[in-house]
N, C-alpha and C. Protein backbone atom coordinates (compact mmCIF):
# COMPACT_ATOMS: atom_id res chain seq x y z
N UNK A 1 98.17 50.44 200.11
CA UNK A 1 98.43 50.09 201.49
C UNK A 1 99.79 50.67 201.90
N UNK A 2 99.85 51.20 203.09
CA UNK A 2 101.09 51.77 203.60
C UNK A 2 102.11 50.67 203.88
N UNK A 3 103.38 50.99 203.66
CA UNK A 3 104.46 50.02 203.86
C UNK A 3 105.43 50.54 204.91
N UNK A 4 105.80 49.66 205.82
CA UNK A 4 106.78 49.98 206.86
C UNK A 4 107.93 48.99 206.74
N UNK A 5 109.12 49.53 206.60
CA UNK A 5 110.33 48.73 206.47
C UNK A 5 110.93 48.55 207.86
N UNK A 6 111.26 47.33 208.21
CA UNK A 6 111.87 47.02 209.51
C UNK A 6 113.28 46.51 209.23
N UNK A 7 114.27 47.32 209.63
CA UNK A 7 115.67 46.98 209.39
C UNK A 7 116.35 46.55 210.67
N UNK A 8 117.10 45.47 210.57
CA UNK A 8 117.82 44.91 211.71
C UNK A 8 119.30 44.79 211.36
N UNK A 9 120.13 45.27 212.26
CA UNK A 9 121.56 45.31 212.01
C UNK A 9 122.31 44.10 212.50
N UNK A 10 123.61 44.28 212.70
CA UNK A 10 124.52 43.19 213.01
C UNK A 10 124.11 42.38 214.24
N UNK A 11 124.26 41.09 214.11
CA UNK A 11 124.08 40.09 215.15
C UNK A 11 122.63 39.82 215.52
N UNK A 12 121.70 40.56 214.93
CA UNK A 12 120.29 40.32 215.27
C UNK A 12 119.77 39.03 214.66
N UNK A 13 120.48 38.47 213.69
CA UNK A 13 120.16 37.14 213.18
C UNK A 13 120.43 36.07 214.23
N UNK A 14 121.11 36.42 215.31
CA UNK A 14 121.44 35.46 216.38
C UNK A 14 120.44 35.51 217.54
N UNK A 15 119.40 36.32 217.39
CA UNK A 15 118.40 36.40 218.47
C UNK A 15 117.84 35.01 218.75
N UNK A 16 117.54 34.78 220.01
CA UNK A 16 117.04 33.48 220.45
C UNK A 16 118.13 32.64 221.06
N UNK A 17 119.37 32.82 220.57
CA UNK A 17 120.50 32.09 221.14
C UNK A 17 121.56 33.03 221.70
N UNK A 18 121.58 34.26 221.24
CA UNK A 18 122.58 35.23 221.69
C UNK A 18 122.12 35.91 222.98
N UNK A 19 122.82 35.67 224.05
CA UNK A 19 122.56 36.30 225.34
C UNK A 19 121.06 36.45 225.63
N UNK A 20 120.35 35.33 225.75
CA UNK A 20 118.90 35.42 225.97
C UNK A 20 118.52 36.16 227.25
N UNK A 21 119.42 36.22 228.21
CA UNK A 21 119.14 36.98 229.43
C UNK A 21 119.08 38.49 229.16
N UNK A 22 119.68 38.93 228.07
CA UNK A 22 119.66 40.34 227.68
C UNK A 22 118.62 40.58 226.60
N UNK A 23 118.59 39.72 225.58
CA UNK A 23 117.79 39.96 224.38
C UNK A 23 116.52 39.12 224.29
N UNK A 24 116.32 38.20 225.22
CA UNK A 24 115.14 37.36 225.20
C UNK A 24 115.34 36.11 224.37
N UNK A 25 114.31 35.28 224.33
CA UNK A 25 114.40 33.99 223.63
C UNK A 25 113.73 34.00 222.27
N UNK A 26 113.06 35.10 221.90
CA UNK A 26 112.45 35.18 220.58
C UNK A 26 113.51 35.29 219.51
N UNK A 27 113.32 34.55 218.42
CA UNK A 27 114.20 34.68 217.27
C UNK A 27 113.73 35.85 216.41
N UNK A 28 114.55 36.27 215.47
CA UNK A 28 114.14 37.32 214.56
C UNK A 28 112.95 36.85 213.71
N UNK A 29 112.92 35.57 213.37
CA UNK A 29 111.77 35.03 212.63
C UNK A 29 110.50 35.10 213.47
N UNK A 30 110.61 34.83 214.77
CA UNK A 30 109.44 34.96 215.67
C UNK A 30 108.93 36.40 215.68
N UNK A 31 109.87 37.33 215.79
CA UNK A 31 109.51 38.76 215.82
C UNK A 31 108.85 39.16 214.50
N UNK A 32 109.44 38.72 213.39
CA UNK A 32 108.89 39.06 212.07
C UNK A 32 107.48 38.50 211.92
N UNK A 33 107.26 37.28 212.35
CA UNK A 33 105.92 36.68 212.24
C UNK A 33 104.90 37.49 213.05
N UNK A 34 105.29 37.91 214.25
CA UNK A 34 104.40 38.73 215.06
C UNK A 34 104.11 40.07 214.41
N UNK A 35 105.11 40.67 213.77
CA UNK A 35 104.92 41.95 213.09
C UNK A 35 103.97 41.81 211.91
N UNK A 36 104.11 40.72 211.15
CA UNK A 36 103.22 40.50 210.00
C UNK A 36 101.78 40.33 210.47
N UNK A 37 101.60 39.63 211.55
CA UNK A 37 100.25 39.44 212.10
C UNK A 37 99.68 40.78 212.58
N UNK A 38 100.48 41.54 213.33
CA UNK A 38 100.05 42.85 213.83
C UNK A 38 99.74 43.80 212.67
N UNK A 39 100.56 43.75 211.62
CA UNK A 39 100.40 44.65 210.48
C UNK A 39 99.05 44.49 209.82
N UNK A 40 98.57 43.26 209.72
CA UNK A 40 97.27 43.05 209.07
C UNK A 40 96.16 43.76 209.84
N UNK A 41 96.25 43.80 211.16
CA UNK A 41 95.27 44.51 211.96
C UNK A 41 95.39 46.02 211.87
N UNK A 42 96.56 46.50 211.49
CA UNK A 42 96.80 47.94 211.36
C UNK A 42 96.61 48.43 209.92
N UNK A 43 96.29 47.49 209.03
CA UNK A 43 96.12 47.79 207.61
C UNK A 43 97.39 48.39 206.99
N UNK A 44 98.53 47.81 207.36
CA UNK A 44 99.82 48.17 206.77
C UNK A 44 100.52 46.87 206.38
N UNK A 45 101.53 46.99 205.56
CA UNK A 45 102.37 45.84 205.27
C UNK A 45 103.77 46.12 205.79
N UNK A 46 104.44 45.07 206.22
CA UNK A 46 105.81 45.21 206.71
C UNK A 46 106.76 44.40 205.85
N UNK A 47 107.96 44.92 205.75
CA UNK A 47 109.04 44.26 205.05
C UNK A 47 110.18 44.20 206.06
N UNK A 48 110.49 43.00 206.55
CA UNK A 48 111.50 42.82 207.59
C UNK A 48 112.78 42.30 206.97
N UNK A 49 113.89 43.01 207.24
CA UNK A 49 115.20 42.64 206.69
C UNK A 49 116.25 42.68 207.79
N UNK A 50 117.33 41.92 207.58
CA UNK A 50 118.46 41.91 208.51
C UNK A 50 119.75 41.80 207.72
N UNK A 51 120.77 42.53 208.17
CA UNK A 51 122.10 42.40 207.59
C UNK A 51 123.15 42.66 208.65
N UNK A 52 124.24 41.95 208.52
CA UNK A 52 125.40 42.19 209.37
C UNK A 52 126.33 43.23 208.75
N UNK A 53 125.91 43.82 207.64
CA UNK A 53 126.75 44.75 206.89
C UNK A 53 126.15 46.15 206.87
N UNK A 54 126.91 47.09 207.35
CA UNK A 54 126.48 48.49 207.43
C UNK A 54 125.99 49.03 206.08
N UNK A 55 126.70 48.72 205.02
CA UNK A 55 126.35 49.22 203.70
C UNK A 55 124.98 48.76 203.24
N UNK A 56 124.60 47.53 203.58
CA UNK A 56 123.26 47.06 203.22
C UNK A 56 122.19 47.91 203.90
N UNK A 57 122.39 48.20 205.17
CA UNK A 57 121.41 49.02 205.90
C UNK A 57 121.30 50.40 205.27
N UNK A 58 122.42 50.98 204.90
CA UNK A 58 122.43 52.30 204.26
C UNK A 58 121.71 52.24 202.91
N UNK A 59 122.01 51.22 202.11
CA UNK A 59 121.35 51.06 200.82
C UNK A 59 119.85 50.91 201.00
N UNK A 60 119.42 50.14 201.99
CA UNK A 60 117.99 49.93 202.23
C UNK A 60 117.31 51.22 202.70
N UNK A 61 118.00 52.04 203.47
CA UNK A 61 117.42 53.34 203.85
C UNK A 61 117.22 54.22 202.63
N UNK A 62 118.20 54.25 201.74
CA UNK A 62 118.07 55.03 200.49
C UNK A 62 116.91 54.48 199.66
N UNK A 63 116.83 53.17 199.56
CA UNK A 63 115.76 52.51 198.82
C UNK A 63 114.39 52.88 199.41
N UNK A 64 114.31 52.93 200.74
CA UNK A 64 113.04 53.29 201.39
C UNK A 64 112.57 54.66 200.94
N UNK A 65 113.49 55.60 200.90
CA UNK A 65 113.13 56.96 200.47
C UNK A 65 112.74 56.99 199.00
N UNK A 66 113.48 56.28 198.18
CA UNK A 66 113.25 56.31 196.73
C UNK A 66 111.99 55.55 196.32
N UNK A 67 111.58 54.58 197.12
CA UNK A 67 110.43 53.75 196.74
C UNK A 67 109.13 54.15 197.44
N UNK A 68 109.20 55.17 198.27
CA UNK A 68 107.98 55.65 198.91
C UNK A 68 107.54 54.88 200.14
N UNK A 69 108.45 54.17 200.78
CA UNK A 69 108.11 53.51 202.04
C UNK A 69 107.63 54.59 203.01
N UNK A 70 106.62 54.27 203.80
CA UNK A 70 105.99 55.26 204.68
C UNK A 70 106.76 55.51 205.97
N UNK A 71 107.45 54.50 206.49
CA UNK A 71 108.24 54.66 207.71
C UNK A 71 109.24 53.51 207.80
N UNK A 72 110.28 53.73 208.59
CA UNK A 72 111.29 52.71 208.83
C UNK A 72 111.42 52.50 210.34
N UNK A 73 111.45 51.25 210.74
CA UNK A 73 111.80 50.88 212.11
C UNK A 73 113.21 50.33 212.03
N UNK A 74 114.12 50.90 212.81
CA UNK A 74 115.54 50.55 212.70
C UNK A 74 116.09 50.08 214.03
N UNK A 75 116.50 48.82 214.07
CA UNK A 75 117.28 48.30 215.18
C UNK A 75 118.69 48.13 214.61
N UNK A 76 119.52 49.13 214.82
CA UNK A 76 120.86 49.14 214.23
C UNK A 76 121.86 48.32 215.02
N UNK A 77 121.43 47.72 216.15
CA UNK A 77 122.36 46.95 216.96
C UNK A 77 123.54 47.80 217.37
N UNK A 78 124.72 47.21 217.38
CA UNK A 78 125.93 47.91 217.81
C UNK A 78 126.29 49.11 216.94
N UNK A 79 125.78 49.18 215.72
CA UNK A 79 126.07 50.33 214.86
C UNK A 79 125.44 51.61 215.40
N UNK A 80 124.46 51.46 216.26
CA UNK A 80 123.83 52.61 216.91
C UNK A 80 124.87 53.52 217.55
N UNK A 81 125.88 52.92 218.13
CA UNK A 81 126.86 53.64 218.95
C UNK A 81 128.13 54.02 218.19
N UNK A 82 128.24 53.56 216.95
CA UNK A 82 129.51 53.73 216.24
C UNK A 82 129.42 54.31 214.84
N UNK A 83 128.26 54.24 214.19
CA UNK A 83 128.22 54.51 212.76
C UNK A 83 127.72 55.91 212.42
N UNK A 84 128.66 56.76 212.08
CA UNK A 84 128.32 58.08 211.56
C UNK A 84 127.67 57.93 210.18
N UNK A 85 128.13 56.98 209.39
CA UNK A 85 127.57 56.76 208.05
C UNK A 85 126.10 56.37 208.13
N UNK A 86 125.73 55.53 209.07
CA UNK A 86 124.33 55.14 209.22
C UNK A 86 123.50 56.32 209.71
N UNK A 87 124.04 57.09 210.61
CA UNK A 87 123.36 58.31 211.09
C UNK A 87 123.11 59.27 209.93
N UNK A 88 124.13 59.45 209.09
CA UNK A 88 123.99 60.35 207.96
C UNK A 88 122.96 59.85 206.96
N UNK A 89 122.86 58.53 206.79
CA UNK A 89 121.86 57.95 205.88
C UNK A 89 120.45 58.22 206.40
N UNK A 90 120.24 58.08 207.71
CA UNK A 90 118.93 58.37 208.30
C UNK A 90 118.60 59.86 208.11
N UNK A 91 119.58 60.71 208.36
CA UNK A 91 119.37 62.16 208.23
C UNK A 91 119.11 62.58 206.78
N UNK A 92 119.61 61.81 205.83
CA UNK A 92 119.53 62.19 204.42
C UNK A 92 118.20 61.85 203.75
N UNK A 93 117.34 61.10 204.44
CA UNK A 93 116.09 60.69 203.81
C UNK A 93 114.90 61.37 204.49
N UNK A 94 113.84 61.63 203.72
CA UNK A 94 112.66 62.25 204.31
C UNK A 94 111.76 61.26 205.05
N UNK A 95 111.98 59.98 204.86
CA UNK A 95 111.17 58.93 205.47
C UNK A 95 111.38 58.94 206.99
N UNK A 96 110.31 58.95 207.78
CA UNK A 96 110.49 58.92 209.24
C UNK A 96 111.07 57.58 209.69
N UNK A 97 112.04 57.66 210.60
CA UNK A 97 112.72 56.47 211.12
C UNK A 97 112.52 56.43 212.63
N UNK A 98 112.14 55.26 213.13
CA UNK A 98 112.00 55.02 214.56
C UNK A 98 113.12 54.09 214.98
N UNK A 99 113.92 54.53 215.94
CA UNK A 99 115.02 53.72 216.48
C UNK A 99 114.46 52.80 217.56
N UNK A 100 114.85 51.52 217.52
CA UNK A 100 114.43 50.61 218.58
C UNK A 100 115.60 49.77 219.07
N UNK A 101 115.42 49.29 220.31
CA UNK A 101 116.37 48.35 220.92
C UNK A 101 115.58 47.39 221.80
N UNK A 102 115.99 46.15 221.80
CA UNK A 102 115.36 45.15 222.66
C UNK A 102 115.66 45.43 224.13
N UNK A 103 116.91 45.73 224.42
CA UNK A 103 117.33 46.02 225.79
C UNK A 103 117.34 47.54 225.99
N UNK A 104 117.55 47.95 227.20
CA UNK A 104 117.67 49.38 227.51
C UNK A 104 119.15 49.73 227.50
N UNK A 105 119.62 50.42 226.46
CA UNK A 105 121.05 50.73 226.38
C UNK A 105 121.58 51.51 227.57
N UNK A 106 120.73 52.31 228.21
CA UNK A 106 121.17 53.13 229.34
C UNK A 106 121.36 52.32 230.61
N UNK A 107 120.87 51.09 230.63
CA UNK A 107 121.05 50.20 231.77
C UNK A 107 122.20 49.22 231.54
N UNK A 108 122.95 49.45 230.47
CA UNK A 108 124.02 48.54 230.10
C UNK A 108 125.38 49.25 230.16
N UNK A 109 126.36 48.72 229.46
CA UNK A 109 127.70 49.27 229.47
C UNK A 109 127.67 50.73 229.03
N UNK A 110 128.60 51.49 229.57
CA UNK A 110 128.64 52.93 229.30
C UNK A 110 128.73 53.27 227.80
N UNK A 111 129.48 52.47 227.04
CA UNK A 111 129.62 52.78 225.62
C UNK A 111 128.30 52.67 224.87
N UNK A 112 127.31 52.00 225.45
CA UNK A 112 125.99 51.88 224.81
C UNK A 112 125.06 53.04 225.14
N UNK A 113 125.47 53.93 226.02
CA UNK A 113 124.60 55.02 226.45
C UNK A 113 124.40 56.08 225.38
N UNK A 114 125.28 56.15 224.41
CA UNK A 114 125.19 57.18 223.37
C UNK A 114 124.71 56.56 222.06
N UNK A 115 123.66 57.14 221.51
CA UNK A 115 123.17 56.73 220.20
C UNK A 115 123.49 57.82 219.20
N UNK A 116 124.19 57.46 218.15
CA UNK A 116 124.49 58.42 217.10
C UNK A 116 123.27 58.67 216.21
N UNK A 117 122.32 57.74 216.20
CA UNK A 117 121.19 57.90 215.29
C UNK A 117 119.94 58.50 215.94
N UNK A 118 119.85 58.48 217.26
CA UNK A 118 118.63 58.94 217.93
C UNK A 118 118.25 60.36 217.54
N UNK A 119 119.21 61.24 217.41
CA UNK A 119 118.93 62.64 217.11
C UNK A 119 118.35 62.91 215.74
N UNK A 120 118.43 61.93 214.84
CA UNK A 120 117.87 62.11 213.50
C UNK A 120 116.66 61.19 213.26
N UNK A 121 116.20 60.55 214.32
CA UNK A 121 115.01 59.71 214.25
C UNK A 121 113.82 60.48 214.82
N UNK A 122 112.61 60.07 214.43
CA UNK A 122 111.41 60.72 214.98
C UNK A 122 111.16 60.28 216.41
N UNK A 123 111.71 59.15 216.83
CA UNK A 123 111.54 58.66 218.19
C UNK A 123 112.35 57.42 218.42
N UNK A 124 112.44 57.03 219.69
CA UNK A 124 113.20 55.84 220.09
C UNK A 124 112.38 55.04 221.08
N UNK A 125 112.46 53.72 220.94
CA UNK A 125 111.79 52.80 221.86
C UNK A 125 112.81 51.75 222.26
N UNK A 126 112.99 51.55 223.57
CA UNK A 126 113.97 50.57 224.00
C UNK A 126 113.57 49.94 225.33
N UNK A 127 114.11 48.75 225.54
CA UNK A 127 113.97 48.11 226.83
C UNK A 127 112.77 47.21 227.01
N UNK A 128 111.99 46.99 225.97
CA UNK A 128 110.77 46.20 226.10
C UNK A 128 110.86 44.84 225.41
N UNK A 129 112.07 44.39 225.14
CA UNK A 129 112.24 43.11 224.46
C UNK A 129 111.58 43.15 223.10
N UNK A 130 110.99 42.02 222.71
CA UNK A 130 110.35 41.93 221.40
C UNK A 130 109.20 42.93 221.28
N UNK A 131 108.63 43.34 222.40
CA UNK A 131 107.55 44.34 222.36
C UNK A 131 108.03 45.69 221.87
N UNK A 132 109.33 45.94 221.90
CA UNK A 132 109.85 47.19 221.32
C UNK A 132 109.46 47.27 219.85
N UNK A 133 109.47 46.13 219.16
CA UNK A 133 109.07 46.11 217.75
C UNK A 133 107.58 46.40 217.59
N UNK A 134 106.75 45.77 218.41
CA UNK A 134 105.30 45.97 218.26
C UNK A 134 104.91 47.39 218.63
N UNK A 135 105.54 47.95 219.63
CA UNK A 135 105.28 49.34 220.00
C UNK A 135 105.69 50.27 218.86
N UNK A 136 106.82 49.98 218.24
CA UNK A 136 107.30 50.80 217.13
C UNK A 136 106.38 50.67 215.91
N UNK A 137 105.89 49.46 215.65
CA UNK A 137 104.99 49.29 214.51
C UNK A 137 103.69 50.07 214.72
N UNK A 138 103.19 50.04 215.93
CA UNK A 138 101.99 50.80 216.24
C UNK A 138 102.24 52.30 216.02
N UNK A 139 103.39 52.78 216.49
CA UNK A 139 103.74 54.19 216.32
C UNK A 139 103.92 54.53 214.84
N UNK A 140 104.61 53.66 214.10
CA UNK A 140 104.86 53.93 212.67
C UNK A 140 103.55 53.96 211.89
N UNK A 141 102.61 53.10 212.23
CA UNK A 141 101.32 53.07 211.53
C UNK A 141 100.53 54.35 211.77
N UNK A 142 100.82 55.04 212.86
CA UNK A 142 100.11 56.27 213.20
C UNK A 142 100.77 57.52 212.62
N UNK A 143 101.98 57.39 212.10
CA UNK A 143 102.67 58.56 211.55
C UNK A 143 101.97 59.08 210.32
């Protein structure tokens, strides 16, 4: 069975309570449960992880490549706009990575308009709330 790794970066453990007007009221556990349910219909398995630490995300990307994960869905949170190291980790692996965001970064503060990782991802999905994850899972299952 194909495996898709879903990585979540800093502050995404606060979903549901953190700025619900921007990020919605779904918790990360709610999103993960929906992904597991969707995955069974797509005949894939998902592994959902979250860390507030950049190094964990980088280690998990390396692990994805080394263990034969079929695709990665990455919500890097604020690291999207700041982390050259995370960008380099995505570029260094052959595993396709899909960048996602709950909100539309281009409709927000100017510093969020630039993604350091978008250029090394196979695609980006943003602005659809929790549906950004389901859209990305559908796309990853088709890769």
